[in-house]
Amino acid sequence: MPQVLTANRLLDGEVVYLASDGAWVEELASAAVIATKAEGEAALVTGIEAERNQKIVHAYLFEVIDTGVPLRPVKQREVIRAAGPTVRSDLGKQARS
């Protein structure tokens, strides 16, 4: 199943995703979709290096449904992380939509 690498940015705690150019982006739609085990391992190496450089914390892969735009996380935890806080819809990423 396709995956995406996610983490939290150390500067402000924002949920970020690894893009295909190696940048950390805030929007799931801009994330690189990882299709193979080798790509996943390479992405995790990038995450570990970013952790060492104190850019992000807790990098990990999660499964997505890649049937076009937008990407959809398989697990509810990642749906919530992608949207922002669930307590107030006027805060977080859902307020920007």
PDB file of N, CA and C in Angstrom:
ATOM      1  N   MET A   1       0.846  -1.178   0.000  1.00  0.00           N
ATOM      2  CA  MET A   1       0.000   0.000   0.000  1.00  0.00           C
ATOM      3  C   MET A   1       0.892   1.242   0.000  1.00  0.00           C
ATOM      4  N   PRO A   2       0.535   2.293  -0.729  1.00  0.00           N
ATOM      5  CA  PRO A   2       1.328   3.527  -0.751  1.00  0.00           C
ATOM      6  C   PRO A   2       1.433   4.140   0.645  1.00  0.00           C
ATOM      7  N   GLN A   3       2.536   4.837   0.866  1.00  0.00           N
ATOM      8  CA  GLN A   3       2.788   5.460   2.160  1.00  0.00           C
ATOM      9  C   GLN A   3       3.297   6.881   1.992  1.00  0.00           C
ATOM     10  N   VAL A   4       3.281   7.621   3.105  1.00  0.00           N
ATOM     11  CA  VAL A   4       3.816   8.983   3.187  1.00  0.00           C
ATOM     12  C   VAL A   4       4.635   9.062   4.468  1.00  0.00           C
ATOM     13  N   LEU A   5       5.722   9.825   4.444  1.00  0.00           N
ATOM     14  CA  LEU A   5       6.532  10.049   5.648  1.00  0.00           C
ATOM     15  C   LEU A   5       6.050  11.318   6.322  1.00  0.00           C
ATOM     16  N   THR A   6       5.765  11.221   7.609  1.00  0.00           N
ATOM     17  CA  THR A   6       5.314  12.369   8.384  1.00  0.00           C
ATOM     18  C   THR A   6       6.184  12.548   9.616  1.00  0.00           C
ATOM     19  N   ALA A   7       6.083  13.727  10.216  1.00  0.00           N
ATOM     20  CA  ALA A   7       6.809  14.052  11.442  1.00  0.00           C
ATOM     21  C   ALA A   7       6.193  15.328  12.008  1.00  0.00           C
ATOM     22  N   ASN A   8       6.770  15.818  13.089  1.00  0.00           N
ATOM     23  CA  ASN A   8       6.407  17.129  13.618  1.00  0.00           C
ATOM     24  C   ASN A   8       7.627  18.026  13.527  1.00  0.00           C
ATOM     25  N   ARG A   9       7.424  19.240  13.044  1.00  0.00           N
ATOM     26  CA  ARG A   9       8.500  20.221  12.943  1.00  0.00           C
ATOM     27  C   ARG A   9       8.850  20.687  14.353  1.00  0.00           C
ATOM     28  N   LEU A  10      10.131  20.698  14.684  1.00  0.00           N
ATOM     29  CA  LEU A  10      10.557  21.083  16.028  1.00  0.00           C
ATOM     30  C   LEU A  10      10.335  22.559  16.317  1.00  0.00           C
ATOM     31  N   LEU A  11      10.413  23.397  15.334  1.00  0.00           N
ATOM     32  CA  LEU A  11      10.277  24.834  15.541  1.00  0.00           C
ATOM     33  C   LEU A  11       8.929  25.215  16.137  1.00  0.00           C
ATOM     34  N   ASP A  12       7.848  24.596  15.630  1.00  0.00           N
ATOM     35  CA  ASP A  12       6.514  24.990  16.084  1.00  0.00           C
ATOM     36  C   ASP A  12       5.559  23.825  16.336  1.00  0.00           C
ATOM     37  N   GLY A  13       6.010  22.596  16.166  1.00  0.00           N
ATOM     38  CA  GLY A  13       5.175  21.431  16.421  1.00  0.00           C
ATOM     39  C   GLY A  13       4.228  21.071  15.293  1.00  0.00           C
ATOM     40  N   GLU A  14       4.254  21.815  14.205  1.00  0.00           N
ATOM     41  CA  GLU A  14       3.344  21.578  13.073  1.00  0.00           C
ATOM     42  C   GLU A  14       3.588  20.190  12.467  1.00  0.00           C
ATOM     43  N   VAL A  15       2.520  19.528  12.074  1.00  0.00           N
ATOM     44  CA  VAL A  15       2.616  18.258  11.346  1.00  0.00           C
ATOM     45  C   VAL A  15       3.165  18.564   9.959  1.00  0.00           C
ATOM     46  N   VAL A  16       4.185  17.819   9.555  1.00  0.00           N
ATOM     47  CA  VAL A  16       4.785  18.019   8.237  1.00  0.00           C
ATOM     48  C   VAL A  16       4.941  16.676   7.525  1.00  0.00           C
ATOM     49  N   TYR A  17       5.089  16.767   6.205  1.00  0.00           N
ATOM     50  CA  TYR A  17       5.217  15.596   5.349  1.00  0.00           C
ATOM     51  C   TYR A  17       6.412  15.796   4.425  1.00  0.00           C
ATOM     52  N   LEU A  18       7.080  14.704   4.100  1.00  0.00           N
ATOM     53  CA  LEU A  18       8.216  14.777   3.187  1.00  0.00           C
ATOM     54  C   LEU A  18       7.719  14.873   1.749  1.00  0.00           C
ATOM     55  N   ALA A  19       8.162  15.908   1.043  1.00  0.00           N
ATOM     56  CA  ALA A  19       7.814  16.097  -0.369  1.00  0.00           C
ATOM     57  C   ALA A  19       8.844  15.392  -1.242  1.00  0.00           C
ATOM     58  N   SER A  20       8.537  15.246  -2.510  1.00  0.00           N
ATOM     59  CA  SER A  20       9.436  14.537  -3.428  1.00  0.00           C
ATOM     60  C   SER A  20      10.766  15.247  -3.623  1.00  0.00           C
ATOM     61  N   ASP A  21      10.816  16.568  -3.367  1.00  0.00           N
ATOM     62  CA  ASP A  21      12.084  17.293  -3.495  1.00  0.00           C
ATOM     63  C   ASP A  21      12.899  17.299  -2.204  1.00  0.00           C
ATOM     64  N   GLY A  22      12.416  16.580  -1.171  1.00  0.00           N
ATOM     65  CA  GLY A  22      13.138  16.493   0.098  1.00  0.00           C
ATOM     66  C   GLY A  22      12.756  17.562   1.106  1.00  0.00           C
ATOM     67  N   ALA A  23      11.882  18.475   0.721  1.00  0.00           N
ATOM     68  CA  ALA A  23      11.421  19.523   1.638  1.00  0.00           C
ATOM     69  C   ALA A  23      10.345  18.948   2.562  1.00  0.00           C
ATOM     70  N   TRP A  24      10.162  19.589   3.696  1.00  0.00           N
ATOM     71  CA  TRP A  24       9.083  19.242   4.617  1.00  0.00           C
ATOM     72  C   TRP A  24       7.948  20.219   4.377  1.00  0.00           C
ATOM     73  N   VAL A  25       6.780  19.699   4.026  1.00  0.00           N
ATOM     74  CA  VAL A  25       5.626  20.529   3.676  1.00  0.00           C
ATOM     75  C   VAL A  25       4.491  20.297   4.672  1.00  0.00           C
ATOM     76  N   GLU A  26       3.609  21.285   4.800  1.00  0.00           N
ATOM     77  CA  GLU A  26       2.517  21.211   5.769  1.00  0.00           C
ATOM     78  C   GLU A  26       1.253  20.552   5.226  1.00  0.00           C
ATOM     79  N   GLU A  27       1.115  20.478   3.926  1.00  0.00           N
ATOM     80  CA  GLU A  27      -0.102  19.937   3.326  1.00  0.00           C
ATOM     81  C   GLU A  27       0.120  18.512   2.815  1.00  0.00           C
ATOM     82  N   LEU A  28      -0.759  17.612   3.214  1.00  0.00           N
ATOM     83  CA  LEU A  28      -0.666  16.214   2.779  1.00  0.00           C
ATOM     84  C   LEU A  28      -0.682  16.106   1.256  1.00  0.00           C
ATOM     85  N   ALA A  29      -1.427  16.960   0.594  1.00  0.00           N
ATOM     86  CA  ALA A  29      -1.513  16.911  -0.872  1.00  0.00           C
ATOM     87  C   ALA A  29      -0.161  17.139  -1.544  1.00  0.00           C
ATOM     88  N   SER A  30       0.775  17.775  -0.848  1.00  0.00           N
ATOM     89  CA  SER A  30       2.102  18.053  -1.405  1.00  0.00           C
ATOM     90  C   SER A  30       3.139  16.994  -1.050  1.00  0.00           C
ATOM     91  N   ALA A  31       2.720  15.974  -0.316  1.00  0.00           N
ATOM     92  CA  ALA A  31       3.654  14.939   0.136  1.00  0.00           C
ATOM     93  C   ALA A  31       4.029  13.992  -0.996  1.00  0.00           C
ATOM     94  N   ALA A  32       5.219  13.430  -0.891  1.00  0.00           N
ATOM     95  CA  ALA A  32       5.653  12.396  -1.828  1.00  0.00           C
ATOM     96  C   ALA A  32       4.966  11.090  -1.465  1.00  0.00           C
ATOM     97  N   VAL A  33       4.440  10.400  -2.452  1.00  0.00           N
ATOM     98  CA  VAL A  33       3.833   9.093  -2.230  1.00  0.00           C
ATOM     99  C   VAL A  33       4.919   8.037  -2.423  1.00  0.00           C
ATOM    100  N   ILE A  34       5.091   7.219  -1.417  1.00  0.00           N
ATOM    101  CA  ILE A  34       6.133   6.193  -1.408  1.00  0.00           C
ATOM    102  C   ILE A  34       5.492   4.869  -1.806  1.00  0.00           C
ATOM    103  N   ALA A  35       5.989   4.295  -2.887  1.00  0.00           N
ATOM    104  CA  ALA A  35       5.333   3.123  -3.464  1.00  0.00           C
ATOM    105  C   ALA A  35       6.041   1.802  -3.183  1.00  0.00           C
ATOM    106  N   THR A  36       7.334   1.851  -2.852  1.00  0.00           N
ATOM    107  CA  THR A  36       8.086   0.608  -2.671  1.00  0.00           C
ATOM    108  C   THR A  36       8.784   0.584  -1.315  1.00  0.00           C
ATOM    109  N   LYS A  37       9.188  -0.601  -0.923  1.00  0.00           N
ATOM    110  CA  LYS A  37       9.924  -0.753   0.336  1.00  0.00           C
ATOM    111  C   LYS A  37      11.230   0.041   0.295  1.00  0.00           C
ATOM    112  N   ALA A  38      11.929   0.002  -0.834  1.00  0.00           N
ATOM    113  CA  ALA A  38      13.199   0.737  -0.963  1.00  0.00           C
ATOM    114  C   ALA A  38      12.975   2.252  -0.828  1.00  0.00           C
ATOM    115  N   GLU A  39      11.913   2.762  -1.440  1.00  0.00           N
ATOM    116  CA  GLU A  39      11.602   4.189  -1.304  1.00  0.00           C
ATOM    117  C   GLU A  39      11.278   4.533   0.146  1.00  0.00           C
ATOM    118  N   GLY A  40      10.570   3.640   0.833  1.00  0.00           N
ATOM    119  CA  GLY A  40      10.239   3.845   2.236  1.00  0.00           C
ATOM    120  C   GLY A  40      11.474   3.886   3.108  1.00  0.00           C
ATOM    121  N   GLU A  41      12.404   2.977   2.854  1.00  0.00           N
ATOM    122  CA  GLU A  41      13.652   2.955   3.619  1.00  0.00           C
ATOM    123  C   GLU A  41      14.455   4.222   3.380  1.00  0.00           C
ATOM    124  N   ALA A  42      14.501   4.683   2.136  1.00  0.00           N
ATOM    125  CA  ALA A  42      15.228   5.920   1.814  1.00  0.00           C
ATOM    126  C   ALA A  42      14.570   7.120   2.481  1.00  0.00           C
ATOM    127  N   ALA A  43      13.247   7.154   2.497  1.00  0.00           N
ATOM    128  CA  ALA A  43      12.532   8.254   3.150  1.00  0.00           C
ATOM    129  C   ALA A  43      12.812   8.264   4.641  1.00  0.00           C
ATOM    130  N   LEU A  44      12.834   7.092   5.264  1.00  0.00           N
ATOM    131  CA  LEU A  44      13.127   7.023   6.696  1.00  0.00           C
ATOM    132  C   LEU A  44      14.548   7.498   7.007  1.00  0.00           C
ATOM    133  N   VAL A  45      15.486   7.206   6.120  1.00  0.00           N
ATOM    134  CA  VAL A  45      16.853   7.721   6.291  1.00  0.00           C
ATOM    135  C   VAL A  45      16.837   9.247   6.259  1.00  0.00           C
ATOM    136  N   THR A  46      16.070   9.823   5.343  1.00  0.00           N
ATOM    137  CA  THR A  46      15.922  11.279   5.276  1.00  0.00           C
ATOM    138  C   THR A  46      15.328  11.808   6.579  1.00  0.00           C
ATOM    139  N   GLY A  47      14.328  11.113   7.105  1.00  0.00           N
ATOM    140  CA  GLY A  47      13.718  11.512   8.367  1.00  0.00           C
ATOM    141  C   GLY A  47      14.685  11.447   9.530  1.00  0.00           C
ATOM    142  N   ILE A  48      15.467  10.390   9.605  1.00  0.00           N
ATOM    143  CA  ILE A  48      16.456  10.249  10.680  1.00  0.00           C
ATOM    144  C   ILE A  48      17.486  11.368  10.599  1.00  0.00           C
ATOM    145  N   GLU A  49      17.913  11.696   9.393  1.00  0.00           N
ATOM    146  CA  GLU A  49      18.880  12.787   9.216  1.00  0.00           C
ATOM    147  C   GLU A  49      18.274  14.123   9.652  1.00  0.00           C
ATOM    148  N   ALA A  50      17.023  14.364   9.313  1.00  0.00           N
ATOM    149  CA  ALA A  50      16.351  15.601   9.728  1.00  0.00           C
ATOM    150  C   ALA A  50      16.187  15.653  11.246  1.00  0.00           C
ATOM    151  N   GLU A  51      15.959  14.498  11.870  1.00  0.00           N
ATOM    152  CA  GLU A  51      15.896  14.446  13.333  1.00  0.00           C
ATOM    153  C   GLU A  51      17.252  14.795  13.937  1.00  0.00           C
ATOM    154  N   ARG A  52      18.318  14.249  13.372  1.00  0.00           N
ATOM    155  CA  ARG A  52      19.679  14.555  13.856  1.00  0.00           C
ATOM    156  C   ARG A  52      19.998  16.037  13.731  1.00  0.00           C
ATOM    157  N   ASN A  53      19.488  16.662  12.672  1.00  0.00           N
ATOM    158  CA  ASN A  53      19.712  18.092  12.436  1.00  0.00           C
ATOM    159  C   ASN A  53      18.700  18.968  13.181  1.00  0.00           C
ATOM    160  N   GLN A  54      17.874  18.337  14.009  1.00  0.00           N
ATOM    161  CA  GLN A  54      16.888  19.018  14.846  1.00  0.00           C
ATOM    162  C   GLN A  54      15.898  19.862  14.039  1.00  0.00           C
ATOM    163  N   LYS A  55      15.479  19.316  12.905  1.00  0.00           N
ATOM    164  CA  LYS A  55      14.447  19.953  12.083  1.00  0.00           C
ATOM    165  C   LYS A  55      13.064  19.409  12.429  1.00  0.00           C
ATOM    166  N   ILE A  56      13.011  18.090  12.650  1.00  0.00           N
ATOM    167  CA  ILE A  56      11.744  17.412  12.918  1.00  0.00           C
ATOM    168  C   ILE A  56      11.943  16.411  14.050  1.00  0.00           C
ATOM    169  N   VAL A  57      10.817  15.858  14.510  1.00  0.00           N
ATOM    170  CA  VAL A  57      10.857  14.802  15.518  1.00  0.00           C
ATOM    171  C   VAL A  57       9.843  13.731  15.144  1.00  0.00           C
ATOM    172  N   HIS A  58      10.159  12.487  15.473  1.00  0.00           N
ATOM    173  CA  HIS A  58       9.273  11.333  15.327  1.00  0.00           C
ATOM    174  C   HIS A  58       8.797  11.118  13.882  1.00  0.00           C
ATOM    175  N   ALA A  59       9.742  10.914  12.998  1.00  0.00           N
ATOM    176  CA  ALA A  59       9.398  10.614  11.600  1.00  0.00           C
ATOM    177  C   ALA A  59       8.936   9.157  11.479  1.00  0.00           C
ATOM    178  N   TYR A  60       7.847   8.958  10.755  1.00  0.00           N
ATOM    179  CA  TYR A  60       7.353   7.604  10.511  1.00  0.00           C
ATOM    180  C   TYR A  60       6.508   7.584   9.244  1.00  0.00           C
ATOM    181  N   LEU A  61       6.352   6.394   8.700  1.00  0.00           N
ATOM    182  CA  LEU A  61       5.541   6.186   7.505  1.00  0.00           C
ATOM    183  C   LEU A  61       4.115   5.817   7.900  1.00  0.00           C
ATOM    184  N   PHE A  62       3.150   6.263   7.101  1.00  0.00           N
ATOM    185  CA  PHE A  62       1.781   5.819   7.288  1.00  0.00           C
ATOM    186  C   PHE A  62       1.155   5.559   5.927  1.00  0.00           C
ATOM    187  N   GLU A  63       0.150   4.693   5.927  1.00  0.00           N
ATOM    188  CA  GLU A  63      -0.487   4.280   4.679  1.00  0.00           C
ATOM    189  C   GLU A  63      -1.516   5.297   4.203  1.00  0.00           C
ATOM    190  N   VAL A  64      -1.556   5.469   2.884  1.00  0.00           N
ATOM    191  CA  VAL A  64      -2.525   6.366   2.263  1.00  0.00           C
ATOM    192  C   VAL A  64      -3.233   5.652   1.123  1.00  0.00           C
ATOM    193  N   ILE A  65      -4.404   6.158   0.796  1.00  0.00           N
ATOM    194  CA  ILE A  65      -5.131   5.709  -0.394  1.00  0.00           C
ATOM    195  C   ILE A  65      -4.826   6.742  -1.471  1.00  0.00           C
ATOM    196  N   ASP A  66      -4.159   6.293  -2.514  1.00  0.00           N
ATOM    197  CA  ASP A  66      -3.712   7.208  -3.571  1.00  0.00           C
ATOM    198  C   ASP A  66      -4.548   6.994  -4.820  1.00  0.00           C
ATOM    199  N   THR A  67      -5.767   7.506  -4.782  1.00  0.00           N
ATOM    200  CA  THR A  67      -6.653   7.390  -5.942  1.00  0.00           C
ATOM    201  C   THR A  67      -6.814   8.747  -6.604  1.00  0.00           C
ATOM    202  N   GLY A  68      -5.815   9.578  -6.453  1.00  0.00           N
ATOM    203  CA  GLY A  68      -5.877  10.924  -7.003  1.00  0.00           C
ATOM    204  C   GLY A  68      -5.776  11.938  -5.890  1.00  0.00           C
ATOM    205  N   VAL A  69      -6.144  13.151  -6.213  1.00  0.00           N
ATOM    206  CA  VAL A  69      -6.068  14.230  -5.236  1.00  0.00           C
ATOM    207  C   VAL A  69      -7.445  14.390  -4.607  1.00  0.00           C
ATOM    208  N   PRO A  70      -7.577  14.500  -3.331  1.00  0.00           N
ATOM    209  CA  PRO A  70      -6.479  14.510  -2.364  1.00  0.00           C
ATOM    210  C   PRO A  70      -6.103  13.097  -1.923  1.00  0.00           C
ATOM    211  N   LEU A  71      -4.885  12.980  -1.403  1.00  0.00           N
ATOM    212  CA  LEU A  71      -4.484  11.733  -0.757  1.00  0.00           C
ATOM    213  C   LEU A  71      -5.362  11.548   0.467  1.00  0.00           C
ATOM    214  N   ARG A  72      -5.665  10.310   0.784  1.00  0.00           N
ATOM    215  CA  ARG A  72      -6.471  10.046   1.974  1.00  0.00           C
ATOM    216  C   ARG A  72      -5.736   9.072   2.886  1.00  0.00           C
ATOM    217  N   PRO A  73      -5.498   9.461   4.128  1.00  0.00           N
ATOM    218  CA  PRO A  73      -4.894   8.523   5.078  1.00  0.00           C
ATOM    219  C   PRO A  73      -5.835   7.345   5.338  1.00  0.00           C
ATOM    220  N   VAL A  74      -5.267   6.191   5.584  1.00  0.00           N
ATOM    221  CA  VAL A  74      -6.053   5.000   5.890  1.00  0.00           C
ATOM    222  C   VAL A  74      -6.565   5.074   7.335  1.00  0.00           C
ATOM    223  N   LYS A  75      -5.719   5.506   8.252  1.00  0.00           N
ATOM    224  CA  LYS A  75      -6.075   5.512   9.677  1.00  0.00           C
ATOM    225  C   LYS A  75      -6.612   6.866  10.117  1.00  0.00           C
ATOM    226  N   GLN A  76      -7.568   6.815  11.031  1.00  0.00           N
ATOM    227  CA  GLN A  76      -8.201   8.030  11.544  1.00  0.00           C
ATOM    228  C   GLN A  76      -7.196   8.968  12.208  1.00  0.00           C
ATOM    229  N   ARG A  77      -6.207   8.436  12.879  1.00  0.00           N
ATOM    230  CA  ARG A  77      -5.180   9.261  13.525  1.00  0.00           C
ATOM    231  C   ARG A  77      -4.548  10.219  12.514  1.00  0.00           C
ATOM    232  N   GLU A  78      -4.233   9.725  11.335  1.00  0.00           N
ATOM    233  CA  GLU A  78      -3.590  10.552  10.315  1.00  0.00           C
ATOM    234  C   GLU A  78      -4.575  11.524   9.672  1.00  0.00           C
ATOM    235  N   VAL A  79      -5.838  11.158   9.604  1.00  0.00           N
ATOM    236  CA  VAL A  79      -6.862  12.087   9.125  1.00  0.00           C
ATOM    237  C   VAL A  79      -6.901  13.296  10.057  1.00  0.00           C
ATOM    238  N   ILE A  80      -6.887  13.037  11.363  1.00  0.00           N
ATOM    239  CA  ILE A  80      -6.910  14.115  12.355  1.00  0.00           C
ATOM    240  C   ILE A  80      -5.635  14.944  12.279  1.00  0.00           C
ATOM    241  N   ARG A  81      -4.475  14.298  12.196  1.00  0.00           N
ATOM    242  CA  ARG A  81      -3.211  15.040  12.106  1.00  0.00           C
ATOM    243  C   ARG A  81      -3.168  15.930  10.864  1.00  0.00           C
ATOM    244  N   ALA A  82      -3.737  15.452   9.767  1.00  0.00           N
ATOM    245  CA  ALA A  82      -3.731  16.231   8.524  1.00  0.00           C
ATOM    246  C   ALA A  82      -4.656  17.438   8.608  1.00  0.00           C
ATOM    247  N   ALA A  83      -5.742  17.332   9.389  1.00  0.00           N
ATOM    248  CA  ALA A  83      -6.726  18.414   9.468  1.00  0.00           C
ATOM    249  C   ALA A  83      -6.440  19.405  10.586  1.00  0.00           C
ATOM    250  N   GLY A  84      -5.777  18.980  11.625  1.00  0.00           N
ATOM    251  CA  GLY A  84      -5.522  19.864  12.754  1.00  0.00           C
ATOM    252  C   GLY A  84      -6.416  19.531  13.932  1.00  0.00           C
ATOM    253  N   PRO A  85      -6.479  20.395  14.926  1.00  0.00           N
ATOM    254  CA  PRO A  85      -7.224  20.104  16.155  1.00  0.00           C
ATOM    255  C   PRO A  85      -8.688  19.774  15.883  1.00  0.00           C
ATOM    256  N   THR A  86      -9.231  18.894  16.683  1.00  0.00           N
ATOM    257  CA  THR A  86     -10.625  18.509  16.518  1.00  0.00           C
ATOM    258  C   THR A  86     -11.552  19.274  17.463  1.00  0.00           C
ATOM    259  N   VAL A  87     -10.995  20.069  18.344  1.00  0.00           N
ATOM    260  CA  VAL A  87     -11.823  20.740  19.342  1.00  0.00           C
ATOM    261  C   VAL A  87     -12.498  22.003  18.825  1.00  0.00           C
ATOM    262  N   ARG A  88     -11.868  22.668  17.852  1.00  0.00           N
ATOM    263  CA  ARG A  88     -12.451  23.897  17.294  1.00  0.00           C
ATOM    264  C   ARG A  88     -12.158  23.944  15.803  1.00  0.00           C
ATOM    265  N   SER A  89     -13.207  24.010  15.013  1.00  0.00           N
ATOM    266  CA  SER A  89     -13.030  24.008  13.563  1.00  0.00           C
ATOM    267  C   SER A  89     -12.489  25.334  13.023  1.00  0.00           C
ATOM    268  N   ASP A  90     -12.390  26.355  13.881  1.00  0.00           N
ATOM    269  CA  ASP A  90     -11.825  27.632  13.438  1.00  0.00           C
ATOM    270  C   ASP A  90     -10.316  27.690  13.656  1.00  0.00           C
ATOM    271  N   LEU A  91      -9.723  26.590  14.126  1.00  0.00           N
ATOM    272  CA  LEU A  91      -8.283  26.518  14.325  1.00  0.00           C
ATOM    273  C   LEU A  91      -7.707  25.424  13.429  1.00  0.00           C
ATOM    274  N   GLY A  92      -6.429  25.486  13.209  1.00  0.00           N
ATOM    275  CA  GLY A  92      -5.763  24.440  12.451  1.00  0.00           C
ATOM    276  C   GLY A  92      -6.001  24.535  10.954  1.00  0.00           C
ATOM    277  N   LYS A  93      -5.628  23.484  10.281  1.00  0.00           N
ATOM    278  CA  LYS A  93      -5.700  23.460   8.815  1.00  0.00           C
ATOM    279  C   LYS A  93      -7.123  23.503   8.302  1.00  0.00           C
ATOM    280  N   GLN A  94      -8.076  22.951   9.067  1.00  0.00           N
ATOM    281  CA  GLN A  94      -9.463  22.959   8.591  1.00  0.00           C
ATOM    282  C   GLN A  94     -10.007  24.370   8.528  1.00  0.00           C
ATOM    283  N   ALA A  95      -9.450  25.317   9.291  1.00  0.00           N
ATOM    284  CA  ALA A  95      -9.910  26.702   9.259  1.00  0.00           C
ATOM    285  C   ALA A  95      -9.455  27.407   7.975  1.00  0.00           C
ATOM    286  N   ARG A  96      -8.413  26.879   7.357  1.00  0.00           N
ATOM    287  CA  ARG A  96      -7.868  27.479   6.128  1.00  0.00           C
ATOM    288  C   ARG A  96      -8.611  27.023   4.888  1.00  0.00           C
ATOM    289  N   SER A  97      -9.416  25.992   5.010  1.00  0.00           N
ATOM    290  CA  SER A  97     -10.092  25.426   3.825  1.00  0.00           C
ATOM    291  C   SER A  97     -11.249  26.268   3.398  1.00  0.00           C
TER     292      SER A  97
END
